[in-house]
Amino acid sequence: MAYIVRRMIGKNRGKWVIGGLVILTAVALWIDLPNNGGVTIGGQKRDLAVKLGLDLQGGAHLIYRANMSDIAEGDRTDALAGIRDVVERRVNLYGVSEPIIQTNRVGD
C-alpha cells in the first residue's frame, strides 16, 4: 500500500507541491486579513494584532523644565549643555535611531 501511495505522489509531485503552496498561501492570506480576530489552535487563542513600536507610533516627545534659580547666571549655559549631553548619552545607549535632543532657553 505504501508503495502505491509513494508511486502516486511521485508521478504527481508537481501537482502536490502546487496544491500545498496554494493551501499555504490561502492560510497566510486568511491570517493577514485586517478583520481577523486571531487564530485558535487547540484551545489557545493567539491575537494577531500588529503592535507598533515607538518609531511607528510617532515617537516620543518629552519636555523637561529645569529650575535654574540655584545656579549662577554665568553657569546656566554650561549646566544646560551638560544636562543635554547626559540625556543624549542615555538615549543613544538604547540605540534609538536619529534622536533629536534640543535645549531651549526662555525668560533669561
C-alpha atoms as a PDB file:
ATOM      1  CA  MET A   1       0.000   0.000   0.000  1.00  0.00           C
ATOM      2  CA  ALA A   2       2.781   2.445   0.914  1.00  0.00           C
ATOM      3  CA  TYR A   3       4.467   1.685  -2.396  1.00  0.00           C
ATOM      4  CA  ILE A   4       1.309   2.638  -4.293  1.00  0.00           C
ATOM      5  CA  VAL A   5       0.968   5.914  -2.382  1.00  0.00           C
ATOM      6  CA  ARG A   6       4.654   6.796  -2.957  1.00  0.00           C
ATOM      7  CA  ARG A   7       4.346   5.969  -6.633  1.00  0.00           C
ATOM      8  CA  MET A   8       1.169   8.062  -6.964  1.00  0.00           C
ATOM      9  CA  ILE A   9       2.822  11.038  -5.236  1.00  0.00           C
ATOM     10  CA  GLY A  10       5.970  10.577  -7.325  1.00  0.00           C
ATOM     11  CA  LYS A  11       4.043  10.810 -10.587  1.00  0.00           C
ATOM     12  CA  ASN A  12       2.060  13.861  -9.488  1.00  0.00           C
ATOM     13  CA  ARG A  13       4.755  15.545  -7.417  1.00  0.00           C
ATOM     14  CA  GLY A  14       4.357  18.910  -9.171  1.00  0.00           C
ATOM     15  CA  LYS A  15       0.610  18.911  -8.506  1.00  0.00           C
ATOM     16  CA  TRP A  16       1.175  18.138  -4.819  1.00  0.00           C
ATOM     17  CA  VAL A  17       3.731  20.941  -4.480  1.00  0.00           C
ATOM     18  CA  ILE A  18       1.462  23.462  -6.204  1.00  0.00           C
ATOM     19  CA  GLY A  19      -1.516  22.318  -4.117  1.00  0.00           C
ATOM     20  CA  GLY A  20       0.500  22.718  -0.915  1.00  0.00           C
ATOM     21  CA  LEU A  21       1.607  26.194  -1.941  1.00  0.00           C
ATOM     22  CA  VAL A  22      -1.986  27.184  -2.715  1.00  0.00           C
ATOM     23  CA  ILE A  23      -3.140  25.957   0.699  1.00  0.00           C
ATOM     24  CA  LEU A  24      -0.240  27.703   2.445  1.00  0.00           C
ATOM     25  CA  THR A  25      -0.975  30.946   0.585  1.00  0.00           C
ATOM     26  CA  ALA A  26      -4.678  30.741   1.481  1.00  0.00           C
ATOM     27  CA  VAL A  27      -3.883  30.247   5.178  1.00  0.00           C
ATOM     28  CA  ALA A  28      -1.373  33.143   5.141  1.00  0.00           C
ATOM     29  CA  LEU A  29      -3.907  35.441   3.470  1.00  0.00           C
ATOM     30  CA  TRP A  30      -6.608  34.455   5.964  1.00  0.00           C
ATOM     31  CA  ILE A  31      -4.302  35.227   8.888  1.00  0.00           C
ATOM     32  CA  ASP A  32      -3.278  38.541   7.326  1.00  0.00           C
ATOM     33  CA  LEU A  33      -6.834  39.816   6.831  1.00  0.00           C
ATOM     34  CA  PRO A  34      -7.459  43.024   8.809  1.00  0.00           C
ATOM     35  CA  ASN A  35     -10.758  41.776  10.296  1.00  0.00           C
ATOM     36  CA  ASN A  36      -9.261  38.534  11.532  1.00  0.00           C
ATOM     37  CA  GLY A  37      -9.617  38.427  15.309  1.00  0.00           C
ATOM     38  CA  GLY A  38      -6.926  35.834  15.824  1.00  0.00           C
ATOM     39  CA  VAL A  39      -6.223  32.166  15.465  1.00  0.00           C
ATOM     40  CA  THR A  40      -7.382  29.444  17.844  1.00  0.00           C
ATOM     41  CA  ILE A  41      -5.421  26.200  17.793  1.00  0.00           C
ATOM     42  CA  GLY A  42      -6.077  23.554  20.411  1.00  0.00           C
ATOM     43  CA  GLY A  43      -7.928  25.939  22.709  1.00  0.00           C
ATOM     44  CA  GLN A  44      -5.116  28.509  22.646  1.00  0.00           C
ATOM     45  CA  LYS A  45      -6.123  31.864  21.160  1.00  0.00           C
ATOM     46  CA  ARG A  46      -3.371  33.883  19.501  1.00  0.00           C
ATOM     47  CA  ASP A  47      -4.000  37.583  18.906  1.00  0.00           C
ATOM     48  CA  LEU A  48      -2.593  38.637  15.555  1.00  0.00           C
ATOM     49  CA  ALA A  49      -2.843  42.398  16.054  1.00  0.00           C
ATOM     50  CA  VAL A  50       0.215  44.358  14.961  1.00  0.00           C
ATOM     51  CA  LYS A  51       1.927  46.047  17.870  1.00  0.00           C
ATOM     52  CA  LEU A  52       3.645  49.242  16.748  1.00  0.00           C
ATOM     53  CA  GLY A  53       6.892  50.386  18.264  1.00  0.00           C
ATOM     54  CA  LEU A  54       7.632  53.970  19.242  1.00  0.00           C
ATOM     55  CA  ASP A  55       9.072  54.741  15.828  1.00  0.00           C
ATOM     56  CA  LEU A  56       5.877  53.682  14.043  1.00  0.00           C
ATOM     57  CA  GLN A  57       3.559  55.286  16.591  1.00  0.00           C
ATOM     58  CA  GLY A  58       5.103  58.676  16.003  1.00  0.00           C
ATOM     59  CA  GLY A  59       7.899  58.582  18.535  1.00  0.00           C
ATOM     60  CA  ALA A  60       8.096  60.129  21.949  1.00  0.00           C
ATOM     61  CA  HIS A  61       8.172  63.819  22.763  1.00  0.00           C
ATOM     62  CA  LEU A  62       9.421  64.772  26.208  1.00  0.00           C
ATOM     63  CA  ILE A  63       9.852  68.253  27.622  1.00  0.00           C
ATOM     64  CA  TYR A  64      11.897  68.785  30.767  1.00  0.00           C
ATOM     65  CA  ARG A  65      11.780  72.098  32.618  1.00  0.00           C
ATOM     66  CA  ALA A  66      14.888  72.927  34.611  1.00  0.00           C
ATOM     67  CA  ASN A  67      14.776  75.020  37.767  1.00  0.00           C
ATOM     68  CA  MET A  68      17.836  77.232  37.308  1.00  0.00           C
ATOM     69  CA  SER A  69      17.196  79.514  40.292  1.00  0.00           C
ATOM     70  CA  ASP A  70      20.033  77.990  42.375  1.00  0.00           C
ATOM     71  CA  ILE A  71      22.605  78.165  39.540  1.00  0.00           C
ATOM     72  CA  ALA A  72      24.697  81.274  38.963  1.00  0.00           C
ATOM     73  CA  GLU A  73      23.835  83.299  35.850  1.00  0.00           C
ATOM     74  CA  GLY A  74      27.187  82.584  34.146  1.00  0.00           C
ATOM     75  CA  ASP A  75      26.993  78.820  34.720  1.00  0.00           C
ATOM     76  CA  ARG A  76      23.489  78.243  33.352  1.00  0.00           C
ATOM     77  CA  THR A  77      24.558  77.692  29.744  1.00  0.00           C
ATOM     78  CA  ASP A  78      27.167  75.109  30.769  1.00  0.00           C
ATOM     79  CA  ALA A  79      24.712  73.385  33.122  1.00  0.00           C
ATOM     80  CA  LEU A  80      22.097  73.129  30.399  1.00  0.00           C
ATOM     81  CA  ALA A  81      24.653  71.759  27.919  1.00  0.00           C
ATOM     82  CA  GLY A  82      25.751  69.175  30.497  1.00  0.00           C
ATOM     83  CA  ILE A  83      22.183  68.049  31.072  1.00  0.00           C
ATOM     84  CA  ARG A  84      21.637  67.781  27.310  1.00  0.00           C
ATOM     85  CA  ASP A  85      24.786  65.624  26.976  1.00  0.00           C
ATOM     86  CA  VAL A  86      23.645  63.292  29.760  1.00  0.00           C
ATOM     87  CA  VAL A  87      20.191  62.847  28.208  1.00  0.00           C
ATOM     88  CA  GLU A  88      21.750  62.271  24.769  1.00  0.00           C
ATOM     89  CA  ARG A  89      24.095  59.568  26.103  1.00  0.00           C
ATOM     90  CA  ARG A  90      21.209  57.788  27.823  1.00  0.00           C
ATOM     91  CA  VAL A  91      19.041  57.886  24.704  1.00  0.00           C
ATOM     92  CA  ASN A  92      21.884  56.657  22.477  1.00  0.00           C
ATOM     93  CA  LEU A  93      22.592  53.858  24.953  1.00  0.00           C
ATOM     94  CA  TYR A  94      19.336  52.200  23.866  1.00  0.00           C
ATOM     95  CA  GLY A  95      20.142  52.513  20.167  1.00  0.00           C
ATOM     96  CA  VAL A  96      17.367  54.932  19.298  1.00  0.00           C
ATOM     97  CA  SER A  97      17.782  55.922  15.674  1.00  0.00           C
ATOM     98  CA  GLU A  98      18.011  59.587  14.827  1.00  0.00           C
ATOM     99  CA  PRO A  99      17.172  61.115  18.218  1.00  0.00           C
ATOM    100  CA  ILE A 100      16.712  64.870  18.330  1.00  0.00           C
ATOM    101  CA  ILE A 101      17.701  66.352  21.652  1.00  0.00           C
ATOM    102  CA  GLN A 102      17.466  70.111  21.917  1.00  0.00           C
ATOM    103  CA  THR A 103      17.703  72.752  24.595  1.00  0.00           C
ATOM    104  CA  ASN A 104      15.736  75.968  24.666  1.00  0.00           C
ATOM    105  CA  ARG A 105      16.132  78.896  26.996  1.00  0.00           C
ATOM    106  CA  VAL A 106      13.096  81.016  27.783  1.00  0.00           C
ATOM    107  CA  GLY A 107      12.918  84.019  30.065  1.00  0.00           C
ATOM    108  CA  ASP A 108      16.587  84.521  30.946  1.00  0.00           C
END
